[in-house]
Amino acid sequence: MLDEEQLAKAKQEWATLETWQSDVFKFAFEALGLKPSEPIDSLRGQPITYTDSAGNQRTTILFTDDGTLTYHDLAFYKRAMFKNQGKEAFKQYEGHTLTWQQTLTLTAYQRALQTFDKDSFNAILRHITVTSGHGTGKSSSLCIISLHFLICFPGAQIGVTANTEQQLKDIFLKELYFWRAKLPDAMKDQVELLDD
């Protein structure tokens, strides 16, 4: 039986999990100390005009005033829309900010999470493909998503595959152990890593 203090702590932990379940960026910030990439100031909350593939002029807002990505097609976003994305400029964040590609990937994942219990048979809304070069944070993004899912959805299991077992061990598992180590101590034990 839990005493009042233990019960209050358990309720607070559950409230935090419920918040994190629907907000991967809040989880990334509070559990791992990571912030999304910031848009350049001239795009925050500002309408832009563009020409679509059919030649029609359209107007949209790409970012809210707080920097949240709003446009439906994430492929529309480019490096130049975000602050400090050059190799040297990005170093100023000292590992506490996601790359612009990671921000897009986590936004796609967040949007997929928001389809749960709404139309679970529409796989297109949940299918995420990441195409990019070397060193853009694909493995880190996958690890952050994996940790988010394992921690925020009690009882969750994740299967991961790769072309070779060596890729799985040398890239994914190495990265997963790195990010797991950054979790607060109370959370580390909640994630069991099996090598089967």
N, C-alpha and C. Protein backbone atom coordinates (compact mmCIF):
# COMPACT_ATOMS: atom_id res chain seq x y z
N MET A 1 0.84 -1.18 0.00
CA MET A 1 0.00 0.00 0.00
C MET A 1 0.88 1.24 0.00
N LEU A 2 0.53 2.20 -0.84
CA LEU A 2 1.29 3.44 -0.94
C LEU A 2 0.83 4.45 0.10
N ASP A 3 1.81 5.16 0.69
CA ASP A 3 1.42 6.25 1.58
C ASP A 3 1.09 7.46 0.71
N GLU A 4 0.63 8.54 1.33
CA GLU A 4 0.19 9.72 0.57
C GLU A 4 1.29 10.32 -0.28
N GLU A 5 2.51 10.37 0.26
CA GLU A 5 3.64 10.94 -0.48
C GLU A 5 3.97 10.09 -1.71
N GLN A 6 3.99 8.78 -1.55
CA GLN A 6 4.26 7.88 -2.67
C GLN A 6 3.15 7.97 -3.72
N LEU A 7 1.92 8.06 -3.28
CA LEU A 7 0.80 8.18 -4.19
C LEU A 7 0.87 9.49 -4.98
N ALA A 8 1.21 10.58 -4.32
CA ALA A 8 1.33 11.87 -4.99
C ALA A 8 2.45 11.82 -6.03
N LYS A 9 3.57 11.18 -5.68
CA LYS A 9 4.69 11.05 -6.62
C LYS A 9 4.28 10.21 -7.82
N ALA A 10 3.59 9.11 -7.59
CA ALA A 10 3.14 8.24 -8.68
C ALA A 10 2.17 8.98 -9.61
N LYS A 11 1.27 9.78 -9.02
CA LYS A 11 0.34 10.56 -9.84
C LYS A 11 1.08 11.58 -10.69
N GLN A 12 2.10 12.22 -10.11
CA GLN A 12 2.88 13.21 -10.86
C GLN A 12 3.64 12.54 -12.00
N GLU A 13 4.23 11.38 -11.72
CA GLU A 13 4.95 10.65 -12.77
C GLU A 13 4.01 10.25 -13.90
N TRP A 14 2.80 9.80 -13.55
CA TRP A 14 1.84 9.42 -14.58
C TRP A 14 1.40 10.64 -15.39
N ALA A 15 1.20 11.76 -14.75
CA ALA A 15 0.82 12.99 -15.45
C ALA A 15 1.92 13.39 -16.44
N THR A 16 3.18 13.25 -16.01
CA THR A 16 4.30 13.56 -16.89
C THR A 16 4.29 12.62 -18.09
N LEU A 17 4.11 11.32 -17.86
CA LEU A 17 4.06 10.36 -18.97
C LEU A 17 2.94 10.68 -19.94
N GLU A 18 1.78 11.04 -19.42
CA GLU A 18 0.66 11.38 -20.30
C GLU A 18 1.00 12.58 -21.18
N THR A 19 1.68 13.57 -20.60
CA THR A 19 2.09 14.74 -21.38
C THR A 19 3.12 14.33 -22.44
N TRP A 20 4.09 13.54 -22.03
CA TRP A 20 5.14 13.10 -22.96
C TRP A 20 4.59 12.22 -24.08
N GLN A 21 3.55 11.43 -23.79
CA GLN A 21 2.99 10.55 -24.82
C GLN A 21 2.59 11.32 -26.07
N SER A 22 2.09 12.51 -25.89
CA SER A 22 1.62 13.29 -27.03
C SER A 22 2.58 14.39 -27.46
N ASP A 23 3.73 14.50 -26.79
CA ASP A 23 4.67 15.57 -27.13
C ASP A 23 6.11 15.08 -27.03
N VAL A 24 6.62 14.55 -28.13
CA VAL A 24 7.98 14.01 -28.15
C VAL A 24 9.02 15.09 -27.88
N PHE A 25 8.74 16.33 -28.25
CA PHE A 25 9.70 17.41 -28.02
C PHE A 25 9.81 17.75 -26.53
N LYS A 26 8.70 17.67 -25.83
CA LYS A 26 8.72 17.88 -24.37
C LYS A 26 9.54 16.76 -23.71
N PHE A 27 9.34 15.52 -24.17
CA PHE A 27 10.13 14.40 -23.67
C PHE A 27 11.61 14.63 -23.96
N ALA A 28 11.94 14.99 -25.19
CA ALA A 28 13.34 15.19 -25.58
C ALA A 28 14.00 16.27 -24.72
N PHE A 29 13.24 17.33 -24.41
CA PHE A 29 13.80 18.41 -23.61
C PHE A 29 13.93 18.02 -22.14
N GLU A 30 12.85 17.48 -21.57
CA GLU A 30 12.85 17.19 -20.13
C GLU A 30 13.67 15.95 -19.76
N ALA A 31 13.71 14.95 -20.62
CA ALA A 31 14.42 13.72 -20.29
C ALA A 31 15.85 13.70 -20.83
N LEU A 32 16.09 14.38 -21.96
CA LEU A 32 17.41 14.30 -22.60
C LEU A 32 18.10 15.66 -22.75
N GLY A 33 17.39 16.73 -22.42
CA GLY A 33 17.99 18.06 -22.51
C GLY A 33 18.16 18.57 -23.94
N LEU A 34 17.29 18.12 -24.87
CA LEU A 34 17.40 18.50 -26.28
C LEU A 34 16.26 19.43 -26.70
N LYS A 35 16.60 20.48 -27.42
CA LYS A 35 15.61 21.39 -27.97
C LYS A 35 15.55 21.23 -29.48
N PRO A 36 14.40 21.49 -30.10
CA PRO A 36 14.34 21.43 -31.56
C PRO A 36 15.12 22.59 -32.17
N SER A 37 15.50 22.43 -33.42
CA SER A 37 16.16 23.52 -34.13
C SER A 37 15.23 24.72 -34.23
N GLU A 38 15.82 25.89 -34.14
CA GLU A 38 15.03 27.12 -34.20
C GLU A 38 14.93 27.62 -35.64
N PRO A 39 13.74 28.06 -36.05
CA PRO A 39 13.63 28.66 -37.37
C PRO A 39 14.26 30.06 -37.37
N ILE A 40 14.61 30.52 -38.56
CA ILE A 40 15.10 31.90 -38.63
C ILE A 40 13.93 32.82 -38.26
N ASP A 41 14.26 33.94 -37.64
CA ASP A 41 13.23 34.82 -37.08
C ASP A 41 12.24 35.33 -38.13
N SER A 42 12.70 35.55 -39.35
CA SER A 42 11.81 36.11 -40.38
C SER A 42 10.71 35.15 -40.81
N LEU A 43 10.80 33.86 -40.42
CA LEU A 43 9.76 32.89 -40.78
C LEU A 43 8.79 32.59 -39.65
N ARG A 44 9.09 33.05 -38.45
CA ARG A 44 8.21 32.77 -37.30
C ARG A 44 6.88 33.49 -37.46
N GLY A 45 5.80 32.71 -37.57
CA GLY A 45 4.46 33.28 -37.63
C GLY A 45 4.19 34.13 -38.85
N GLN A 46 5.06 34.10 -39.84
CA GLN A 46 4.90 34.96 -41.01
C GLN A 46 4.39 34.17 -42.22
N PRO A 47 3.39 34.71 -42.92
CA PRO A 47 2.93 34.03 -44.13
C PRO A 47 3.98 34.15 -45.24
N ILE A 48 4.13 33.07 -46.00
CA ILE A 48 5.00 33.13 -47.17
C ILE A 48 4.17 32.73 -48.38
N THR A 49 4.54 33.24 -49.53
CA THR A 49 3.86 32.90 -50.78
C THR A 49 4.80 32.02 -51.59
N TYR A 50 4.24 30.99 -52.18
CA TYR A 50 5.02 30.08 -53.01
C TYR A 50 4.17 29.62 -54.18
N THR A 51 4.81 29.00 -55.15
CA THR A 51 4.11 28.45 -56.31
C THR A 51 4.10 26.94 -56.18
N ASP A 52 2.91 26.33 -56.22
CA ASP A 52 2.83 24.88 -56.09
C ASP A 52 3.18 24.19 -57.40
N SER A 53 3.17 22.86 -57.42
CA SER A 53 3.59 22.10 -58.60
C SER A 53 2.67 22.31 -59.79
N ALA A 54 1.45 22.77 -59.55
CA ALA A 54 0.51 23.05 -60.65
C ALA A 54 0.61 24.49 -61.14
N GLY A 55 1.54 25.27 -60.56
CA GLY A 55 1.72 26.66 -60.98
C GLY A 55 0.83 27.66 -60.26
N ASN A 56 0.11 27.24 -59.25
CA ASN A 56 -0.78 28.12 -58.50
C ASN A 56 -0.02 28.83 -57.38
N GLN A 57 -0.34 30.11 -57.18
CA GLN A 57 0.24 30.86 -56.07
C GLN A 57 -0.51 30.49 -54.79
N ARG A 58 0.22 30.17 -53.75
CA ARG A 58 -0.38 29.80 -52.47
C ARG A 58 0.34 30.55 -51.36
N THR A 59 -0.35 30.70 -50.25
CA THR A 59 0.23 31.34 -49.07
C THR A 59 0.07 30.38 -47.89
N THR A 60 1.11 30.28 -47.08
CA THR A 60 1.06 29.42 -45.90
C THR A 60 1.96 29.99 -44.81
N ILE A 61 1.83 29.46 -43.64
CA ILE A 61 2.73 29.79 -42.53
C ILE A 61 3.51 28.51 -42.22
N LEU A 62 4.84 28.60 -42.23
CA LEU A 62 5.68 27.43 -42.01
C LEU A 62 5.94 27.14 -40.54
N PHE A 63 6.03 28.21 -39.72
CA PHE A 63 6.33 28.08 -38.30
C PHE A 63 5.39 28.96 -37.48
N THR A 64 4.98 28.47 -36.33
CA THR A 64 4.24 29.32 -35.41
C THR A 64 5.22 30.31 -34.78
N ASP A 65 4.69 31.24 -34.01
CA ASP A 65 5.57 32.21 -33.33
C ASP A 65 6.55 31.54 -32.38
N ASP A 66 6.17 30.38 -31.81
CA ASP A 66 7.09 29.68 -30.89
C ASP A 66 8.05 28.73 -31.62
N GLY A 67 7.96 28.65 -32.96
CA GLY A 67 8.91 27.85 -33.73
C GLY A 67 8.43 26.47 -34.13
N THR A 68 7.18 26.12 -33.81
CA THR A 68 6.64 24.82 -34.19
C THR A 68 6.39 24.77 -35.69
N LEU A 69 6.78 23.65 -36.32
CA LEU A 69 6.56 23.46 -37.74
C LEU A 69 5.07 23.22 -38.00
N THR A 70 4.49 23.91 -38.98
CA THR A 70 3.06 23.80 -39.20
C THR A 70 2.68 23.29 -40.59
N TYR A 71 3.57 23.43 -41.57
CA TYR A 71 3.21 23.06 -42.94
C TYR A 71 3.07 21.55 -43.04
N HIS A 72 2.08 21.08 -43.79
CA HIS A 72 1.76 19.65 -43.86
C HIS A 72 2.84 18.82 -44.55
N ASP A 73 3.54 19.39 -45.52
CA ASP A 73 4.55 18.64 -46.28
C ASP A 73 5.94 18.95 -45.71
N LEU A 74 6.48 18.04 -44.91
CA LEU A 74 7.76 18.29 -44.26
C LEU A 74 8.91 18.36 -45.25
N ALA A 75 8.74 17.82 -46.44
CA ALA A 75 9.80 17.89 -47.47
C ALA A 75 9.99 19.33 -47.95
N PHE A 76 9.06 20.20 -47.65
CA PHE A 76 9.14 21.61 -48.06
C PHE A 76 10.22 22.37 -47.29
N TYR A 77 10.53 21.89 -46.07
CA TYR A 77 11.49 22.58 -45.20
C TYR A 77 12.92 22.33 -45.66
N LYS A 78 13.73 23.36 -45.59
CA LYS A 78 15.13 23.28 -46.02
C LYS A 78 16.04 23.83 -44.92
N ARG A 79 17.30 23.48 -45.02
CA ARG A 79 18.31 23.89 -44.04
C ARG A 79 18.33 25.40 -43.82
N ALA A 80 18.18 26.17 -44.88
CA ALA A 80 18.27 27.63 -44.78
C ALA A 80 17.14 28.24 -43.95
N MET A 81 16.13 27.47 -43.63
CA MET A 81 15.01 27.97 -42.83
C MET A 81 15.28 27.91 -41.33
N PHE A 82 16.42 27.32 -40.95
CA PHE A 82 16.74 27.12 -39.54
C PHE A 82 18.03 27.84 -39.19
N LYS A 83 18.13 28.27 -37.94
CA LYS A 83 19.31 28.98 -37.45
C LYS A 83 20.50 28.04 -37.24
N ASN A 84 21.69 28.55 -37.51
CA ASN A 84 22.96 27.91 -37.12
C ASN A 84 23.07 26.45 -37.52
N GLN A 85 22.83 26.14 -38.78
CA GLN A 85 22.90 24.75 -39.22
C GLN A 85 24.20 24.39 -39.92
N GLY A 86 25.09 25.36 -40.11
CA GLY A 86 26.40 25.04 -40.66
C GLY A 86 27.20 24.27 -39.62
N LYS A 87 28.17 23.48 -40.07
CA LYS A 87 28.93 22.62 -39.16
C LYS A 87 29.55 23.40 -38.00
N GLU A 88 30.19 24.50 -38.29
CA GLU A 88 30.83 25.30 -37.23
C GLU A 88 29.80 26.04 -36.37
N ALA A 89 28.79 26.61 -37.00
CA ALA A 89 27.77 27.37 -36.26
C ALA A 89 26.99 26.45 -35.33
N PHE A 90 26.76 25.20 -35.77
CA PHE A 90 25.97 24.27 -34.96
C PHE A 90 26.68 23.88 -33.67
N LYS A 91 28.00 23.96 -33.66
CA LYS A 91 28.79 23.59 -32.48
C LYS A 91 28.45 24.44 -31.25
N GLN A 92 27.93 25.65 -31.47
CA GLN A 92 27.61 26.52 -30.33
C GLN A 92 26.55 25.92 -29.43
N TYR A 93 25.76 24.99 -29.94
CA TYR A 93 24.69 24.39 -29.13
C TYR A 93 25.22 23.32 -28.17
N GLU A 94 26.44 22.89 -28.37
CA GLU A 94 27.11 21.93 -27.48
C GLU A 94 26.27 20.68 -27.21
N GLY A 95 25.63 20.16 -28.26
CA GLY A 95 24.89 18.92 -28.12
C GLY A 95 23.52 19.03 -27.47
N HIS A 96 22.99 20.24 -27.34
CA HIS A 96 21.69 20.42 -26.68
C HIS A 96 20.57 20.82 -27.64
N THR A 97 20.86 20.78 -28.94
CA THR A 97 19.85 21.14 -29.93
C THR A 97 19.84 20.10 -31.03
N LEU A 98 18.66 19.73 -31.47
CA LEU A 98 18.51 18.79 -32.56
C LEU A 98 18.89 19.46 -33.87
N THR A 99 19.38 18.69 -34.83
CA THR A 99 19.62 19.23 -36.17
C THR A 99 18.27 19.53 -36.80
N TRP A 100 18.28 20.28 -37.90
CA TRP A 100 17.02 20.56 -38.56
C TRP A 100 16.39 19.27 -39.10
N GLN A 101 17.23 18.31 -39.53
CA GLN A 101 16.69 17.04 -40.03
C GLN A 101 16.06 16.24 -38.89
N GLN A 102 16.69 16.25 -37.71
CA GLN A 102 16.11 15.55 -36.55
C GLN A 102 14.79 16.21 -36.15
N THR A 103 14.74 17.52 -36.22
CA THR A 103 13.50 18.24 -35.89
C THR A 103 12.38 17.81 -36.83
N LEU A 104 12.69 17.67 -38.12
CA LEU A 104 11.68 17.21 -39.08
C LEU A 104 11.25 15.78 -38.79
N THR A 105 12.22 14.91 -38.50
CA THR A 105 11.91 13.50 -38.22
C THR A 105 11.03 13.37 -36.98
N LEU A 106 11.38 14.09 -35.92
CA LEU A 106 10.56 14.02 -34.70
C LEU A 106 9.19 14.65 -34.91
N THR A 107 9.10 15.66 -35.77
CA THR A 107 7.80 16.24 -36.10
C THR A 107 6.93 15.21 -36.82
N ALA A 108 7.53 14.46 -37.75
CA ALA A 108 6.78 13.40 -38.45
C ALA A 108 6.30 12.35 -37.46
N TYR A 109 7.18 11.96 -36.55
CA TYR A 109 6.81 10.97 -35.52
C TYR A 109 5.68 11.52 -34.63
N GLN A 110 5.81 12.77 -34.24
CA GLN A 110 4.77 13.39 -33.41
C GLN A 110 3.42 13.39 -34.13
N ARG A 111 3.45 13.71 -35.41
CA ARG A 111 2.20 13.70 -36.19
C ARG A 111 1.64 12.28 -36.28
N ALA A 112 2.50 11.28 -36.41
CA ALA A 112 2.03 9.89 -36.44
C ALA A 112 1.40 9.50 -35.10
N LEU A 113 2.01 9.94 -34.00
CA LEU A 113 1.45 9.66 -32.68
C LEU A 113 0.04 10.23 -32.55
N GLN A 114 -0.18 11.37 -33.17
CA GLN A 114 -1.49 12.02 -33.07
C GLN A 114 -2.58 11.30 -33.85
N THR A 115 -2.21 10.30 -34.66
CA THR A 115 -3.22 9.52 -35.38
C THR A 115 -3.69 8.33 -34.58
N PHE A 116 -3.02 8.00 -33.46
CA PHE A 116 -3.45 6.86 -32.64
C PHE A 116 -4.89 7.06 -32.22
N ASP A 117 -5.65 6.00 -32.27
CA ASP A 117 -7.06 5.98 -31.89
C ASP A 117 -7.94 6.83 -32.79
N LYS A 118 -7.41 7.33 -33.88
CA LYS A 118 -8.24 8.14 -34.78
C LYS A 118 -8.55 7.37 -36.04
N ASP A 119 -7.53 6.87 -36.71
CA ASP A 119 -7.73 6.08 -37.92
C ASP A 119 -6.57 5.10 -38.00
N SER A 120 -6.62 4.10 -37.15
CA SER A 120 -5.49 3.19 -37.02
C SER A 120 -5.26 2.35 -38.26
N PHE A 121 -6.18 2.36 -39.21
CA PHE A 121 -5.99 1.57 -40.41
C PHE A 121 -5.38 2.37 -41.55
N ASN A 122 -5.16 3.64 -41.37
CA ASN A 122 -4.56 4.46 -42.41
C ASN A 122 -3.05 4.51 -42.21
N ALA A 123 -2.36 3.51 -42.75
CA ALA A 123 -0.91 3.37 -42.55
C ALA A 123 -0.14 4.55 -43.15
N ILE A 124 -0.68 5.18 -44.17
CA ILE A 124 0.02 6.29 -44.81
C ILE A 124 0.26 7.43 -43.83
N LEU A 125 -0.67 7.66 -42.91
CA LEU A 125 -0.50 8.72 -41.93
C LEU A 125 0.61 8.42 -40.94
N ARG A 126 1.00 7.15 -40.82
CA ARG A 126 2.03 6.78 -39.86
C ARG A 126 3.34 6.37 -40.50
N HIS A 127 3.39 6.26 -41.80
CA HIS A 127 4.61 5.83 -42.49
C HIS A 127 5.60 6.99 -42.54
N ILE A 128 6.79 6.76 -42.02
CA ILE A 128 7.81 7.81 -42.00
C ILE A 128 9.04 7.30 -42.75
N THR A 129 9.48 8.06 -43.71
CA THR A 129 10.68 7.73 -44.46
C THR A 129 11.66 8.87 -44.29
N VAL A 130 12.91 8.55 -43.97
CA VAL A 130 13.93 9.57 -43.81
C VAL A 130 15.01 9.31 -44.86
N THR A 131 15.18 10.27 -45.74
CA THR A 131 16.21 10.17 -46.76
C THR A 131 17.18 11.32 -46.53
N SER A 132 18.42 10.99 -46.26
CA SER A 132 19.42 12.05 -46.08
C SER A 132 20.81 11.44 -46.11
N GLY A 133 21.79 12.29 -46.06
CA GLY A 133 23.18 11.86 -46.16
C GLY A 133 23.74 11.38 -44.83
N HIS A 134 25.05 11.31 -44.78
CA HIS A 134 25.75 10.86 -43.57
C HIS A 134 25.82 11.99 -42.55
N GLY A 135 25.71 11.64 -41.28
CA GLY A 135 25.92 12.60 -40.21
C GLY A 135 24.79 13.59 -39.99
N THR A 136 23.56 13.23 -40.37
CA THR A 136 22.44 14.15 -40.20
C THR A 136 21.61 13.85 -38.95
N GLY A 137 21.93 12.75 -38.27
CA GLY A 137 21.23 12.42 -37.03
C GLY A 137 20.14 11.39 -37.17
N LYS A 138 20.16 10.58 -38.24
CA LYS A 138 19.13 9.56 -38.42
C LYS A 138 19.14 8.54 -37.27
N SER A 139 20.32 8.04 -36.92
CA SER A 139 20.41 7.04 -35.85
C SER A 139 20.01 7.63 -34.51
N SER A 140 20.45 8.85 -34.24
CA SER A 140 20.06 9.52 -32.99
C SER A 140 18.55 9.71 -32.94
N SER A 141 17.97 10.13 -34.04
CA SER A 141 16.51 10.33 -34.09
C SER A 141 15.78 9.03 -33.79
N LEU A 142 16.24 7.94 -34.40
CA LEU A 142 15.61 6.65 -34.17
C LEU A 142 15.73 6.24 -32.70
N CYS A 143 16.85 6.52 -32.09
CA CYS A 143 17.04 6.19 -30.67
C CYS A 143 16.16 7.04 -29.77
N ILE A 144 16.04 8.31 -30.07
CA ILE A 144 15.16 9.19 -29.28
C ILE A 144 13.72 8.72 -29.40
N ILE A 145 13.30 8.37 -30.62
CA ILE A 145 11.95 7.85 -30.84
C ILE A 145 11.76 6.53 -30.08
N SER A 146 12.75 5.66 -30.15
CA SER A 146 12.66 4.37 -29.45
C SER A 146 12.53 4.56 -27.94
N LEU A 147 13.38 5.43 -27.38
CA LEU A 147 13.31 5.68 -25.94
C LEU A 147 11.97 6.31 -25.56
N HIS A 148 11.52 7.25 -26.38
CA HIS A 148 10.23 7.88 -26.12
C HIS A 148 9.13 6.82 -26.05
N PHE A 149 9.10 5.94 -27.03
CA PHE A 149 8.04 4.95 -27.09
C PHE A 149 8.14 3.96 -25.93
N LEU A 150 9.35 3.50 -25.63
CA LEU A 150 9.53 2.54 -24.54
C LEU A 150 9.16 3.11 -23.18
N ILE A 151 9.50 4.36 -22.96
CA ILE A 151 9.24 4.99 -21.65
C ILE A 151 7.79 5.47 -21.52
N CYS A 152 7.28 6.05 -22.58
CA CYS A 152 5.96 6.70 -22.49
C CYS A 152 4.78 5.75 -22.68
N PHE A 153 5.04 4.57 -23.20
CA PHE A 153 3.98 3.60 -23.41
C PHE A 153 4.35 2.31 -22.68
N PRO A 154 4.04 2.26 -21.38
CA PRO A 154 4.44 1.11 -20.56
C PRO A 154 4.06 -0.22 -21.20
N GLY A 155 5.02 -1.15 -21.18
CA GLY A 155 4.82 -2.46 -21.77
C GLY A 155 5.20 -2.52 -23.25
N ALA A 156 5.61 -1.39 -23.81
CA ALA A 156 5.96 -1.36 -25.23
C ALA A 156 7.20 -2.20 -25.49
N GLN A 157 7.26 -2.76 -26.68
CA GLN A 157 8.44 -3.46 -27.16
C GLN A 157 8.74 -2.94 -28.55
N ILE A 158 10.02 -2.87 -28.88
CA ILE A 158 10.41 -2.37 -30.20
C ILE A 158 11.36 -3.36 -30.83
N GLY A 159 11.06 -3.75 -32.04
CA GLY A 159 11.97 -4.58 -32.82
C GLY A 159 12.69 -3.70 -33.82
N VAL A 160 13.98 -3.87 -33.93
CA VAL A 160 14.78 -3.07 -34.86
C VAL A 160 15.54 -4.02 -35.77
N THR A 161 15.56 -3.73 -37.05
CA THR A 161 16.32 -4.54 -38.00
C THR A 161 17.30 -3.66 -38.76
N ALA A 162 18.28 -4.30 -39.35
CA ALA A 162 19.26 -3.60 -40.18
C ALA A 162 19.73 -4.59 -41.25
N ASN A 163 20.48 -4.07 -42.21
CA ASN A 163 20.97 -4.95 -43.27
C ASN A 163 21.87 -6.04 -42.71
N THR A 164 22.67 -5.70 -41.73
CA THR A 164 23.56 -6.69 -41.12
C THR A 164 23.49 -6.57 -39.60
N GLU A 165 23.85 -7.65 -38.92
CA GLU A 165 23.89 -7.63 -37.47
C GLU A 165 24.93 -6.63 -36.98
N GLN A 166 26.03 -6.51 -37.73
CA GLN A 166 27.09 -5.57 -37.35
C GLN A 166 26.58 -4.13 -37.38
N GLN A 167 25.78 -3.79 -38.38
CA GLN A 167 25.20 -2.44 -38.42
C GLN A 167 24.33 -2.18 -37.21
N LEU A 168 23.54 -3.18 -36.86
CA LEU A 168 22.65 -3.04 -35.73
C LEU A 168 23.44 -2.79 -34.44
N LYS A 169 24.50 -3.56 -34.24
CA LYS A 169 25.29 -3.43 -33.02
C LYS A 169 26.19 -2.20 -33.03
N ASP A 170 26.88 -1.96 -34.15
CA ASP A 170 27.85 -0.86 -34.20
C ASP A 170 27.21 0.51 -34.32
N ILE A 171 26.03 0.58 -34.89
CA ILE A 171 25.41 1.89 -35.10
C ILE A 171 24.23 2.09 -34.15
N PHE A 172 23.18 1.30 -34.33
CA PHE A 172 21.97 1.55 -33.55
C PHE A 172 22.18 1.30 -32.05
N LEU A 173 22.65 0.12 -31.67
CA LEU A 173 22.77 -0.18 -30.24
C LEU A 173 23.77 0.74 -29.54
N LYS A 174 24.85 1.06 -30.21
CA LYS A 174 25.83 1.98 -29.64
C LYS A 174 25.17 3.34 -29.36
N GLU A 175 24.40 3.80 -30.32
CA GLU A 175 23.70 5.09 -30.17
C GLU A 175 22.62 5.00 -29.09
N LEU A 176 21.91 3.89 -29.04
CA LEU A 176 20.86 3.72 -28.04
C LEU A 176 21.44 3.72 -26.63
N TYR A 177 22.56 3.03 -26.44
CA TYR A 177 23.21 3.04 -25.13
C TYR A 177 23.66 4.46 -24.75
N PHE A 178 24.15 5.22 -25.74
CA PHE A 178 24.57 6.60 -25.50
C PHE A 178 23.41 7.45 -25.00
N TRP A 179 22.26 7.39 -25.69
CA TRP A 179 21.11 8.21 -25.31
C TRP A 179 20.45 7.70 -24.03
N ARG A 180 20.44 6.41 -23.81
CA ARG A 180 19.90 5.85 -22.57
C ARG A 180 20.70 6.37 -21.37
N ALA A 181 22.00 6.51 -21.54
CA ALA A 181 22.86 7.00 -20.45
C ALA A 181 22.54 8.45 -20.09
N LYS A 182 21.96 9.20 -21.01
CA LYS A 182 21.62 10.59 -20.75
C LYS A 182 20.30 10.75 -20.01
N LEU A 183 19.52 9.68 -19.92
CA LEU A 183 18.25 9.75 -19.20
C LEU A 183 18.49 9.96 -17.71
N PRO A 184 17.54 10.56 -17.02
CA PRO A 184 17.65 10.63 -15.56
C PRO A 184 17.74 9.21 -14.99
N ASP A 185 18.47 9.07 -13.89
CA ASP A 185 18.72 7.74 -13.31
C ASP A 185 17.45 6.92 -13.10
N ALA A 186 16.39 7.56 -12.66
CA ALA A 186 15.15 6.82 -12.38
C ALA A 186 14.55 6.21 -13.63
N MET A 187 14.87 6.75 -14.81
CA MET A 187 14.31 6.24 -16.06
C MET A 187 15.17 5.18 -16.72
N LYS A 188 16.45 5.22 -16.48
CA LYS A 188 17.36 4.27 -17.14
C LYS A 188 16.94 2.83 -16.92
N ASP A 189 16.52 2.51 -15.71
CA ASP A 189 16.15 1.14 -15.39
C ASP A 189 14.84 0.70 -16.04
N GLN A 190 14.07 1.66 -16.53
CA GLN A 190 12.81 1.31 -17.19
C GLN A 190 13.01 0.79 -18.59
N VAL A 191 14.21 0.97 -19.14
CA VAL A 191 14.50 0.55 -20.50
C VAL A 191 15.45 -0.65 -20.45
N GLU A 192 14.92 -1.80 -20.81
CA GLU A 192 15.72 -3.01 -20.83
C GLU A 192 16.15 -3.29 -22.26
N LEU A 193 17.45 -3.40 -22.48
CA LEU A 193 17.98 -3.65 -23.81
C LEU A 193 18.37 -5.11 -23.91
N LEU A 194 17.80 -5.81 -24.90
CA LEU A 194 18.09 -7.21 -25.11
C LEU A 194 18.81 -7.38 -26.44
N ASP A 195 19.76 -8.25 -26.49
CA ASP A 195 20.54 -8.51 -27.69
C ASP A 195 20.19 -9.91 -28.19
N ASP A 196 18.98 -10.05 -28.72
CA ASP A 196 18.53 -11.36 -29.23
C ASP A 196 18.40 -11.33 -30.72
